[in-house]
Structures are given as structure tokens and as C-alpha cells.
N, C-alpha and C. Protein backbone atom coordinates (compact mmCIF):
# COMPACT_ATOMS: atom_id res chain seq x y z
N UNK A 1 0.84 -1.19 0.00
CA UNK A 1 0.00 0.00 0.00
C UNK A 1 0.88 1.25 0.00
N UNK A 2 1.77 1.32 -0.94
CA UNK A 2 2.69 2.45 -1.02
C UNK A 2 2.22 3.54 -1.96
N UNK A 3 1.24 3.22 -2.83
CA UNK A 3 0.83 4.27 -3.76
C UNK A 3 -0.01 5.31 -3.02
N UNK A 4 0.08 6.57 -3.46
CA UNK A 4 -0.56 7.69 -2.74
C UNK A 4 -2.08 7.53 -2.60
N UNK A 5 -2.75 7.04 -3.63
CA UNK A 5 -4.20 6.90 -3.55
C UNK A 5 -4.60 5.91 -2.46
N UNK A 6 -3.90 4.81 -2.36
CA UNK A 6 -4.18 3.82 -1.31
C UNK A 6 -3.93 4.42 0.07
N UNK A 7 -2.90 5.22 0.19
CA UNK A 7 -2.59 5.85 1.47
C UNK A 7 -3.68 6.86 1.86
N UNK A 8 -4.18 7.60 0.88
CA UNK A 8 -5.24 8.58 1.15
C UNK A 8 -6.52 7.86 1.57
N UNK A 9 -6.89 6.82 0.84
CA UNK A 9 -8.10 6.06 1.18
C UNK A 9 -7.97 5.47 2.58
N UNK A 10 -6.82 4.88 2.88
CA UNK A 10 -6.59 4.30 4.21
C UNK A 10 -6.69 5.38 5.29
N UNK A 11 -6.09 6.54 5.06
CA UNK A 11 -6.13 7.63 6.03
C UNK A 11 -7.57 8.08 6.27
N UNK A 12 -8.34 8.26 5.18
CA UNK A 12 -9.72 8.72 5.28
C UNK A 12 -10.56 7.72 6.08
N UNK A 13 -10.42 6.43 5.77
CA UNK A 13 -11.22 5.42 6.45
C UNK A 13 -10.76 5.16 7.88
N UNK A 14 -9.48 5.28 8.12
CA UNK A 14 -8.96 5.06 9.48
C UNK A 14 -9.29 6.24 10.40
N UNK A 15 -9.49 7.40 9.84
CA UNK A 15 -9.82 8.60 10.60
C UNK A 15 -11.25 9.04 10.29
N UNK A 16 -12.15 8.06 10.23
CA UNK A 16 -13.51 8.27 9.77
C UNK A 16 -14.30 9.28 10.59
N UNK A 17 -14.04 9.39 11.88
CA UNK A 17 -14.80 10.35 12.68
C UNK A 17 -14.55 11.78 12.22
N UNK A 18 -13.31 12.09 11.96
CA UNK A 18 -12.97 13.42 11.44
C UNK A 18 -13.44 13.57 10.00
N UNK A 19 -13.20 12.53 9.19
CA UNK A 19 -13.56 12.58 7.77
C UNK A 19 -15.04 12.84 7.57
N UNK A 20 -15.89 12.02 8.21
CA UNK A 20 -17.32 12.17 7.99
C UNK A 20 -17.85 13.50 8.54
N UNK A 21 -17.31 13.95 9.66
CA UNK A 21 -17.74 15.23 10.21
C UNK A 21 -17.41 16.37 9.25
N UNK A 22 -16.20 16.37 8.74
CA UNK A 22 -15.79 17.41 7.78
C UNK A 22 -16.63 17.33 6.51
N UNK A 23 -16.86 16.13 6.00
CA UNK A 23 -17.67 15.97 4.78
C UNK A 23 -19.07 16.54 5.00
N UNK A 24 -19.69 16.23 6.14
CA UNK A 24 -21.02 16.75 6.43
C UNK A 24 -21.05 18.26 6.49
N UNK A 25 -20.06 18.85 7.13
CA UNK A 25 -20.01 20.32 7.23
C UNK A 25 -19.71 20.97 5.89
N UNK A 26 -18.88 20.34 5.07
CA UNK A 26 -18.59 20.88 3.73
C UNK A 26 -19.86 20.85 2.87
N UNK A 27 -20.61 19.75 2.93
CA UNK A 27 -21.88 19.69 2.18
C UNK A 27 -22.80 20.81 2.64
N UNK A 28 -22.89 21.02 3.95
CA UNK A 28 -23.74 22.09 4.48
C UNK A 28 -23.29 23.46 3.98
N UNK A 29 -22.00 23.71 3.96
CA UNK A 29 -21.49 25.01 3.49
C UNK A 29 -21.83 25.22 2.02
N UNK A 30 -21.74 24.18 1.22
CA UNK A 30 -22.09 24.29 -0.20
C UNK A 30 -23.58 24.62 -0.33
N UNK A 31 -24.42 23.93 0.41
CA UNK A 31 -25.86 24.20 0.37
C UNK A 31 -26.16 25.62 0.82
N UNK A 32 -25.51 26.07 1.87
CA UNK A 32 -25.70 27.43 2.38
C UNK A 32 -25.30 28.45 1.31
N UNK A 33 -24.18 28.21 0.65
CA UNK A 33 -23.71 29.14 -0.39
C UNK A 33 -24.66 29.17 -1.58
N UNK A 34 -25.12 28.00 -2.01
CA UNK A 34 -25.99 27.92 -3.19
C UNK A 34 -27.36 28.53 -2.89
N UNK A 35 -27.90 28.24 -1.74
CA UNK A 35 -29.24 28.70 -1.39
C UNK A 35 -29.24 30.03 -0.64
N UNK A 36 -28.04 30.57 -0.39
CA UNK A 36 -27.89 31.86 0.29
C UNK A 36 -28.66 31.92 1.60
N UNK A 37 -28.43 30.93 2.42
CA UNK A 37 -29.12 30.86 3.70
C UNK A 37 -28.47 31.80 4.70
N UNK A 38 -29.28 32.33 5.59
CA UNK A 38 -28.80 33.27 6.61
C UNK A 38 -29.46 32.95 7.94
N UNK A 39 -28.90 33.53 9.01
CA UNK A 39 -29.49 33.42 10.34
C UNK A 39 -29.75 32.00 10.76
N UNK A 40 -30.98 31.74 11.18
CA UNK A 40 -31.37 30.44 11.69
C UNK A 40 -31.18 29.35 10.63
N UNK A 41 -31.57 29.62 9.38
CA UNK A 41 -31.44 28.62 8.31
C UNK A 41 -29.99 28.19 8.12
N UNK A 42 -29.06 29.11 8.24
CA UNK A 42 -27.64 28.79 8.11
C UNK A 42 -27.23 27.81 9.20
N UNK A 43 -27.54 28.12 10.45
CA UNK A 43 -27.10 27.29 11.57
C UNK A 43 -27.81 25.96 11.62
N UNK A 44 -29.10 25.94 11.31
CA UNK A 44 -29.82 24.68 11.34
C UNK A 44 -29.38 23.78 10.19
N UNK A 45 -28.99 24.36 9.06
CA UNK A 45 -28.45 23.56 7.95
C UNK A 45 -27.14 22.90 8.38
N UNK A 46 -26.26 23.66 9.01
CA UNK A 46 -25.01 23.09 9.53
C UNK A 46 -25.29 22.00 10.56
N UNK A 47 -26.21 22.26 11.46
CA UNK A 47 -26.55 21.29 12.50
C UNK A 47 -27.13 20.01 11.90
N UNK A 48 -28.06 20.16 10.96
CA UNK A 48 -28.69 18.98 10.37
C UNK A 48 -27.69 18.11 9.62
N UNK A 49 -26.78 18.73 8.87
CA UNK A 49 -25.77 17.95 8.15
C UNK A 49 -24.75 17.35 9.10
N UNK A 50 -24.46 18.04 10.19
CA UNK A 50 -23.59 17.47 11.22
C UNK A 50 -24.26 16.23 11.81
N UNK A 51 -25.55 16.34 12.13
CA UNK A 51 -26.27 15.20 12.70
C UNK A 51 -26.34 14.04 11.70
N UNK A 52 -26.62 14.35 10.44
CA UNK A 52 -26.75 13.29 9.44
C UNK A 52 -25.44 12.56 9.18
N UNK A 53 -24.38 13.32 8.93
CA UNK A 53 -23.11 12.71 8.52
C UNK A 53 -22.15 12.56 9.71
N UNK A 54 -21.96 13.64 10.48
CA UNK A 54 -21.00 13.61 11.57
C UNK A 54 -21.40 12.69 12.71
N UNK A 55 -22.69 12.49 12.91
CA UNK A 55 -23.16 11.55 13.92
C UNK A 55 -23.76 10.31 13.23
N UNK A 56 -24.74 10.51 12.37
CA UNK A 56 -25.45 9.40 11.75
C UNK A 56 -24.57 8.43 10.97
N UNK A 57 -23.99 8.90 9.90
CA UNK A 57 -23.16 8.04 9.05
C UNK A 57 -21.92 7.56 9.81
N UNK A 58 -21.31 8.46 10.58
CA UNK A 58 -20.12 8.09 11.34
C UNK A 58 -20.38 6.91 12.26
N UNK A 59 -21.46 6.94 13.02
CA UNK A 59 -21.67 5.89 14.01
C UNK A 59 -22.34 4.65 13.43
N UNK A 60 -22.98 4.76 12.29
CA UNK A 60 -23.39 3.54 11.58
C UNK A 60 -22.14 2.83 11.07
N UNK A 61 -21.20 3.58 10.50
CA UNK A 61 -19.91 3.01 10.06
C UNK A 61 -19.17 2.41 11.25
N UNK A 62 -19.12 3.14 12.36
CA UNK A 62 -18.46 2.65 13.57
C UNK A 62 -19.12 1.35 14.05
N UNK A 63 -20.43 1.31 13.99
CA UNK A 63 -21.15 0.11 14.39
C UNK A 63 -20.79 -1.09 13.54
N UNK A 64 -20.71 -0.88 12.23
CA UNK A 64 -20.31 -1.96 11.32
C UNK A 64 -18.89 -2.40 11.63
N UNK A 65 -17.99 -1.44 11.82
CA UNK A 65 -16.60 -1.79 12.10
C UNK A 65 -16.47 -2.60 13.39
N UNK A 66 -17.23 -2.23 14.42
CA UNK A 66 -17.10 -2.92 15.71
C UNK A 66 -17.84 -4.25 15.76
N UNK A 67 -18.86 -4.46 14.91
CA UNK A 67 -19.58 -5.73 14.91
C UNK A 67 -19.02 -6.69 13.87
N UNK A 68 -18.86 -6.23 12.66
CA UNK A 68 -18.40 -7.11 11.58
C UNK A 68 -16.88 -7.29 11.62
N UNK A 69 -16.18 -6.24 11.97
CA UNK A 69 -14.71 -6.28 12.00
C UNK A 69 -14.19 -6.03 13.41
N UNK A 70 -14.79 -6.71 14.39
CA UNK A 70 -14.45 -6.51 15.80
C UNK A 70 -12.99 -6.76 16.12
N UNK A 71 -12.41 -7.81 15.55
CA UNK A 71 -11.00 -8.11 15.82
C UNK A 71 -10.10 -6.98 15.32
N UNK A 72 -10.39 -6.48 14.12
CA UNK A 72 -9.61 -5.37 13.56
C UNK A 72 -9.76 -4.13 14.43
N UNK A 73 -11.01 -3.80 14.78
CA UNK A 73 -11.25 -2.61 15.60
C UNK A 73 -10.50 -2.69 16.93
N UNK A 74 -10.57 -3.84 17.57
CA UNK A 74 -9.88 -4.01 18.85
C UNK A 74 -8.38 -3.85 18.68
N UNK A 75 -7.84 -4.42 17.61
CA UNK A 75 -6.38 -4.34 17.42
C UNK A 75 -5.93 -2.91 17.15
N UNK A 76 -6.76 -2.12 16.46
CA UNK A 76 -6.41 -0.73 16.19
C UNK A 76 -6.40 0.10 17.48
N UNK A 77 -7.24 -0.29 18.43
CA UNK A 77 -7.27 0.40 19.71
C UNK A 77 -6.14 -0.09 20.61
N UNK A 78 -5.64 -1.27 20.31
CA UNK A 78 -4.57 -1.84 21.13
C UNK A 78 -5.11 -2.74 22.23
N UNK A 79 -6.33 -3.25 22.03
CA UNK A 79 -6.98 -4.10 23.01
C UNK A 79 -7.28 -5.46 22.40
N UNK A 80 -7.71 -6.37 23.22
CA UNK A 80 -8.18 -7.68 22.77
C UNK A 80 -9.69 -7.59 22.53
N UNK A 81 -10.17 -8.34 21.56
CA UNK A 81 -11.61 -8.41 21.32
C UNK A 81 -12.20 -9.43 22.29
N UNK A 82 -12.89 -8.92 23.30
CA UNK A 82 -13.45 -9.81 24.31
C UNK A 82 -14.97 -9.68 24.40
N UNK A 83 -15.60 -9.26 23.35
CA UNK A 83 -17.05 -9.09 23.34
C UNK A 83 -17.49 -7.64 23.45
N UNK A 84 -16.61 -6.81 24.01
CA UNK A 84 -17.00 -5.40 24.13
C UNK A 84 -17.14 -4.74 22.76
N UNK A 85 -16.44 -5.27 21.78
CA UNK A 85 -16.52 -4.70 20.43
C UNK A 85 -17.95 -4.75 19.91
N UNK A 86 -18.61 -5.88 20.08
CA UNK A 86 -19.99 -6.01 19.61
C UNK A 86 -20.91 -5.05 20.37
N UNK A 87 -20.70 -4.93 21.68
CA UNK A 87 -21.54 -4.02 22.47
C UNK A 87 -21.36 -2.57 22.01
N UNK A 88 -20.13 -2.16 21.79
CA UNK A 88 -19.85 -0.82 21.29
C UNK A 88 -20.48 -0.65 19.90
N UNK A 89 -20.38 -1.70 19.09
CA UNK A 89 -20.94 -1.65 17.74
C UNK A 89 -22.45 -1.44 17.74
N UNK A 90 -23.16 -2.20 18.57
CA UNK A 90 -24.62 -2.05 18.61
C UNK A 90 -25.04 -0.69 19.17
N UNK A 91 -24.33 -0.22 20.16
CA UNK A 91 -24.60 1.12 20.69
C UNK A 91 -24.34 2.17 19.61
N UNK A 92 -23.26 2.00 18.87
CA UNK A 92 -22.93 2.94 17.79
C UNK A 92 -24.00 2.93 16.70
N UNK A 93 -24.49 1.74 16.35
CA UNK A 93 -25.57 1.68 15.35
C UNK A 93 -26.78 2.46 15.82
N UNK A 94 -27.13 2.32 17.09
CA UNK A 94 -28.26 3.08 17.64
C UNK A 94 -28.04 4.57 17.57
N UNK A 95 -26.83 5.01 17.97
CA UNK A 95 -26.51 6.45 17.91
C UNK A 95 -26.57 6.94 16.46
N UNK A 96 -26.06 6.14 15.54
CA UNK A 96 -26.07 6.53 14.13
C UNK A 96 -27.48 6.68 13.60
N UNK A 97 -28.33 5.74 13.92
CA UNK A 97 -29.73 5.81 13.46
C UNK A 97 -30.42 7.04 14.04
N UNK A 98 -30.19 7.31 15.31
CA UNK A 98 -30.78 8.51 15.93
C UNK A 98 -30.25 9.77 15.25
N UNK A 99 -28.95 9.80 14.91
CA UNK A 99 -28.39 10.95 14.20
C UNK A 99 -29.06 11.18 12.86
N UNK A 100 -29.30 10.11 12.12
CA UNK A 100 -29.98 10.22 10.82
C UNK A 100 -31.40 10.75 11.00
N UNK A 101 -32.12 10.20 11.97
CA UNK A 101 -33.49 10.66 12.22
C UNK A 101 -33.50 12.12 12.68
N UNK A 102 -32.58 12.49 13.55
CA UNK A 102 -32.54 13.86 14.10
C UNK A 102 -32.21 14.91 13.05
N UNK A 103 -31.64 14.50 11.93
CA UNK A 103 -31.29 15.46 10.88
C UNK A 103 -32.52 15.99 10.14
N UNK A 104 -33.66 15.42 10.40
CA UNK A 104 -34.89 15.86 9.74
C UNK A 104 -35.19 17.32 10.07
N UNK A 105 -35.57 18.06 9.06
CA UNK A 105 -35.92 19.48 9.25
C UNK A 105 -37.14 19.63 10.15
N UNK A 106 -37.97 18.62 10.20
CA UNK A 106 -39.24 18.72 10.92
C UNK A 106 -39.12 18.52 12.42
N UNK A 107 -38.00 17.97 12.87
CA UNK A 107 -37.86 17.72 14.30
C UNK A 107 -37.58 19.02 15.05
N UNK A 108 -38.14 19.14 16.25
CA UNK A 108 -37.87 20.35 17.05
C UNK A 108 -36.43 20.37 17.55
N UNK A 109 -36.00 21.53 17.94
CA UNK A 109 -34.63 21.71 18.44
C UNK A 109 -34.36 20.85 19.67
N UNK A 110 -35.36 20.63 20.49
CA UNK A 110 -35.16 19.80 21.69
C UNK A 110 -34.79 18.37 21.30
N UNK A 111 -35.38 17.83 20.25
CA UNK A 111 -35.05 16.48 19.79
C UNK A 111 -33.63 16.45 19.23
N UNK A 112 -33.24 17.50 18.54
CA UNK A 112 -31.88 17.57 18.00
C UNK A 112 -30.86 17.62 19.14
N UNK A 113 -31.21 18.34 20.21
CA UNK A 113 -30.32 18.41 21.36
C UNK A 113 -30.14 17.03 21.99
N UNK A 114 -31.23 16.31 22.16
CA UNK A 114 -31.16 14.97 22.75
C UNK A 114 -30.33 14.03 21.88
N UNK A 115 -30.38 14.23 20.57
CA UNK A 115 -29.59 13.40 19.66
C UNK A 115 -28.09 13.69 19.79
N UNK A 116 -27.74 14.78 20.43
CA UNK A 116 -26.33 15.12 20.68
C UNK A 116 -25.85 14.62 22.04
N UNK A 117 -26.76 14.43 22.98
CA UNK A 117 -26.39 14.07 24.35
C UNK A 117 -25.77 12.68 24.42
N UNK A 118 -26.39 11.69 23.80
CA UNK A 118 -25.89 10.31 23.90
C UNK A 118 -24.50 10.18 23.27
N UNK A 119 -24.28 10.68 22.04
CA UNK A 119 -22.91 10.58 21.51
C UNK A 119 -21.89 11.34 22.36
N UNK A 120 -22.32 12.46 22.96
CA UNK A 120 -21.38 13.21 23.81
C UNK A 120 -20.97 12.37 25.02
N UNK A 121 -21.93 11.72 25.66
CA UNK A 121 -21.60 10.86 26.81
C UNK A 121 -20.69 9.72 26.37
N UNK A 122 -21.01 9.10 25.26
CA UNK A 122 -20.20 8.00 24.74
C UNK A 122 -18.79 8.47 24.39
N UNK A 123 -18.69 9.56 23.64
CA UNK A 123 -17.39 10.02 23.17
C UNK A 123 -16.51 10.55 24.30
N UNK A 124 -17.08 11.34 25.20
CA UNK A 124 -16.27 11.85 26.31
C UNK A 124 -15.87 10.72 27.25
N UNK A 125 -16.75 9.73 27.43
CA UNK A 125 -16.38 8.56 28.22
C UNK A 125 -15.29 7.76 27.55
N UNK A 126 -15.39 7.60 26.23
CA UNK A 126 -14.34 6.89 25.48
C UNK A 126 -13.02 7.64 25.57
N UNK A 127 -13.06 8.97 25.44
CA UNK A 127 -11.83 9.77 25.55
C UNK A 127 -11.18 9.57 26.91
N UNK A 128 -11.98 9.60 27.96
CA UNK A 128 -11.44 9.40 29.31
C UNK A 128 -10.81 8.01 29.43
N UNK A 129 -11.46 7.01 28.88
CA UNK A 129 -10.93 5.64 28.91
C UNK A 129 -9.62 5.55 28.15
N UNK A 130 -9.56 6.21 26.98
CA UNK A 130 -8.32 6.19 26.20
C UNK A 130 -7.18 6.89 26.95
N UNK A 131 -7.49 8.00 27.57
CA UNK A 131 -6.46 8.74 28.31
C UNK A 131 -5.94 7.92 29.48
N UNK A 132 -6.84 7.27 30.20
CA UNK A 132 -6.42 6.40 31.30
C UNK A 132 -5.52 5.28 30.77
N UNK A 133 -5.90 4.70 29.63
CA UNK A 133 -5.11 3.61 29.03
C UNK A 133 -3.72 4.11 28.60
N UNK A 134 -3.65 5.33 28.11
CA UNK A 134 -2.35 5.92 27.73
C UNK A 134 -1.48 6.08 28.98
N UNK A 135 -2.08 6.67 30.02
CA UNK A 135 -1.31 6.95 31.24
C UNK A 135 -0.90 5.66 31.96
N UNK A 136 -1.83 4.74 32.12
CA UNK A 136 -1.55 3.53 32.89
C UNK A 136 -0.75 2.48 32.13
N UNK A 137 -1.01 2.37 30.81
CA UNK A 137 -0.42 1.27 30.05
C UNK A 137 0.50 1.72 28.92
N UNK A 138 0.61 3.02 28.70
CA UNK A 138 1.44 3.51 27.60
C UNK A 138 0.92 3.09 26.24
N UNK A 139 -0.42 2.93 26.12
CA UNK A 139 -1.03 2.46 24.87
C UNK A 139 -1.20 3.64 23.90
N UNK A 140 -0.29 3.72 22.95
CA UNK A 140 -0.35 4.78 21.94
C UNK A 140 -0.79 4.24 20.59
N UNK A 141 -1.62 3.20 20.58
CA UNK A 141 -2.15 2.64 19.34
C UNK A 141 -2.94 3.72 18.61
N UNK A 142 -3.04 3.59 17.29
CA UNK A 142 -3.64 4.64 16.45
C UNK A 142 -5.04 5.04 16.89
N UNK A 143 -5.86 4.10 17.32
CA UNK A 143 -7.24 4.42 17.68
C UNK A 143 -7.43 4.57 19.19
N UNK A 144 -6.32 4.64 19.90
CA UNK A 144 -6.38 4.93 21.33
C UNK A 144 -5.82 6.33 21.60
N UNK A 145 -4.76 6.71 20.87
CA UNK A 145 -4.09 7.97 21.14
C UNK A 145 -4.04 8.88 19.90
N UNK A 146 -4.60 8.45 18.80
CA UNK A 146 -4.51 9.24 17.57
C UNK A 146 -5.69 10.17 17.37
N UNK A 147 -6.06 10.36 16.12
CA UNK A 147 -7.14 11.26 15.73
C UNK A 147 -8.44 10.93 16.46
N UNK A 148 -8.69 9.65 16.66
CA UNK A 148 -9.93 9.25 17.33
C UNK A 148 -10.05 9.87 18.72
N UNK A 149 -8.96 9.93 19.45
CA UNK A 149 -8.99 10.55 20.78
C UNK A 149 -9.40 12.02 20.69
N UNK A 150 -8.81 12.73 19.75
CA UNK A 150 -9.12 14.16 19.61
C UNK A 150 -10.56 14.38 19.16
N UNK A 151 -11.02 13.56 18.21
CA UNK A 151 -12.41 13.73 17.76
C UNK A 151 -13.40 13.30 18.83
N UNK A 152 -13.02 12.36 19.70
CA UNK A 152 -13.90 12.00 20.81
C UNK A 152 -14.19 13.22 21.69
N UNK A 153 -13.25 14.10 21.80
CA UNK A 153 -13.41 15.29 22.63
C UNK A 153 -14.08 16.42 21.84
N UNK A 154 -13.65 16.62 20.61
CA UNK A 154 -14.07 17.79 19.82
C UNK A 154 -15.46 17.65 19.20
N UNK A 155 -15.82 16.48 18.71
CA UNK A 155 -17.09 16.33 18.00
C UNK A 155 -18.30 16.74 18.84
N UNK A 156 -18.41 16.31 20.09
CA UNK A 156 -19.55 16.80 20.88
C UNK A 156 -19.54 18.32 21.07
N UNK A 157 -18.37 18.92 21.23
CA UNK A 157 -18.28 20.37 21.37
C UNK A 157 -18.83 21.05 20.11
N UNK A 158 -18.44 20.55 18.95
CA UNK A 158 -18.94 21.09 17.68
C UNK A 158 -20.45 20.95 17.60
N UNK A 159 -20.96 19.78 17.94
CA UNK A 159 -22.41 19.55 17.89
C UNK A 159 -23.18 20.51 18.79
N UNK A 160 -22.74 20.64 20.03
CA UNK A 160 -23.44 21.54 20.95
C UNK A 160 -23.30 23.00 20.51
N UNK A 161 -22.14 23.37 19.99
CA UNK A 161 -21.95 24.75 19.51
C UNK A 161 -22.91 25.05 18.36
N UNK A 162 -23.07 24.12 17.43
CA UNK A 162 -24.01 24.31 16.31
C UNK A 162 -25.44 24.41 16.83
N UNK A 163 -25.78 23.56 17.79
CA UNK A 163 -27.13 23.58 18.34
C UNK A 163 -27.42 24.93 19.02
N UNK A 164 -26.50 25.39 19.86
CA UNK A 164 -26.69 26.67 20.55
C UNK A 164 -26.74 27.83 19.56
N UNK A 165 -25.92 27.78 18.52
CA UNK A 165 -25.94 28.84 17.50
C UNK A 165 -27.28 28.86 16.77
N UNK A 166 -27.81 27.68 16.42
CA UNK A 166 -29.11 27.61 15.75
C UNK A 166 -30.22 28.13 16.66
N UNK A 167 -30.17 27.74 17.91
CA UNK A 167 -31.18 28.19 18.87
C UNK A 167 -31.11 29.71 19.05
N UNK A 168 -29.91 30.24 19.20
CA UNK A 168 -29.75 31.69 19.37
C UNK A 168 -30.23 32.44 18.13
N UNK A 169 -29.93 31.92 16.96
CA UNK A 169 -30.37 32.57 15.72
C UNK A 169 -31.88 32.54 15.60
N UNK A 170 -32.48 31.43 15.99
CA UNK A 170 -33.95 31.34 15.95
C UNK A 170 -34.57 32.32 16.92
N UNK A 171 -34.03 32.40 18.13
CA UNK A 171 -34.56 33.33 19.13
C UNK A 171 -34.35 34.77 18.70
N UNK A 172 -33.22 35.06 18.09
CA UNK A 172 -32.93 36.40 17.60
C UNK A 172 -33.92 36.79 16.51
N UNK A 173 -34.18 35.85 15.59
CA UNK A 173 -35.13 36.11 14.52
C UNK A 173 -36.54 36.32 15.05
N UNK A 174 -36.93 35.53 16.05
CA UNK A 174 -38.26 35.67 16.65
C UNK A 174 -38.36 36.99 17.39
N UNK A 175 -37.31 37.39 18.10
CA UNK A 175 -37.31 38.67 18.82
C UNK A 175 -37.40 39.83 17.84
N UNK A 176 -36.66 39.74 16.72
CA UNK A 176 -36.69 40.79 15.71
C UNK A 176 -38.09 40.92 15.11
N UNK A 177 -38.77 39.79 14.89
CA UNK A 177 -40.11 39.80 14.33
C UNK A 177 -41.09 40.46 15.31
N UNK A 178 -40.99 40.14 16.58
CA UNK A 178 -41.85 40.75 17.60
C UNK A 178 -41.59 42.25 17.66
N UNK A 179 -40.33 42.68 17.62
CA UNK A 179 -39.98 44.10 17.66
C UNK A 179 -40.58 44.82 16.47
N UNK A 180 -40.49 44.22 15.27
CA UNK A 180 -41.02 44.86 14.08
C UNK A 180 -42.54 44.95 14.14
N UNK A 181 -43.20 43.90 14.68
CA UNK A 181 -44.65 43.94 14.81
C UNK A 181 -45.08 45.02 15.81
N UNK A 182 -44.34 45.16 16.90
CA UNK A 182 -44.65 46.19 17.89
C UNK A 182 -44.48 47.58 17.30
N UNK A 183 -43.46 47.75 16.47
CA UNK A 183 -43.20 49.04 15.87
C UNK A 183 -44.31 49.43 14.90
N UNK A 184 -44.88 48.46 14.21
CA UNK A 184 -45.93 48.73 13.24
C UNK A 184 -47.27 48.97 13.90
N UNK A 185 -47.46 48.49 15.12
CA UNK A 185 -48.75 48.59 15.79
C UNK A 185 -49.04 50.00 16.24
């Protein structure tokens, strides 16, 4: 696997949490640019694509990797496959499905927030586990101390930031509408 294309494909797939999150946000930015979205529409578009790809597709992929390719996943983390891989995989599939459902434009902001809570608990808990494993065992395997560790911490922060920005933009737009109606009365 020395040719550049193989190395790029391997890097993209091995760092899937970052890859899928970036892809989702890039798609959202293109849609925002083409449709000239502003205010609430801008933030909710970013949030919905983050939920669809950064959570939904990412954790469906993670679920497949941990259930179908459990031995490989465990070895990348630097652990033995002792059944926890399947459990992580099924939990990931559930998170992924919720992410896909939460990306719907019709769901209220409260449902979108709840769709961010479970992955945040999972990812921050995983990050803490990886850090403990690094400190106690010196485990610097690619999926224990690499990009996955950083995305375990950053992805929930991005999700909550997008949610709060969408909520603030919606409230700002609603307040502006009330102000304009009061001025006309």
C-alpha cells in the first residue's frame, strides 16, 4: 500500500470520525452558499448535516466496524476483542440511526439536542478511557491515542456549539419579528 491513492483512502477510512464530520459540514457550506441561507437557516443547515453525517453516518460506520470487523477494531485500539466490540458496535448503530433521524428538518430543536447528548456521553467517556489507558499502560495505538482521541473530545463540542448557534439565531429572529410587529402597531 505504497501508492498515494491507497494511502489517502486508508487515512480517510482510518480517521472516519474526522472525515465524515468534515464531509457533512462541507456539504452544508455548499448548500448554504448555493441557497444563500442566513441566520437560523444557516445554523440549522449546519446542525442537520452534522447530525446526518457527523453523527449518523459516522456511528453507523463505527457500528459496522465494531460488529463485523471486531478483531480489527480491537487491534487498532490496542486491546483484545473480548465481546466489548460487539456491544460498542450495537450502541454505535443506535446512535447513528438517531443521528440520521434527528437530521430531519421537521424535528424540534429539543429532539436535535437529545440526539447530541448520547454521543457526547459515549465520546467523552471513550476519551477518558483512552487517556487512562495511555497513562496507565502507555497504549499509543492509532485508535487509542490518535485522531480518534481528539475527535472523541471535539465532535460533541462542535455539535453543541451548532445547536446553541441555531437556537440563538432562531430566538434572535423571533425577537426581531416581535420588535417589528410592535413598531408597526
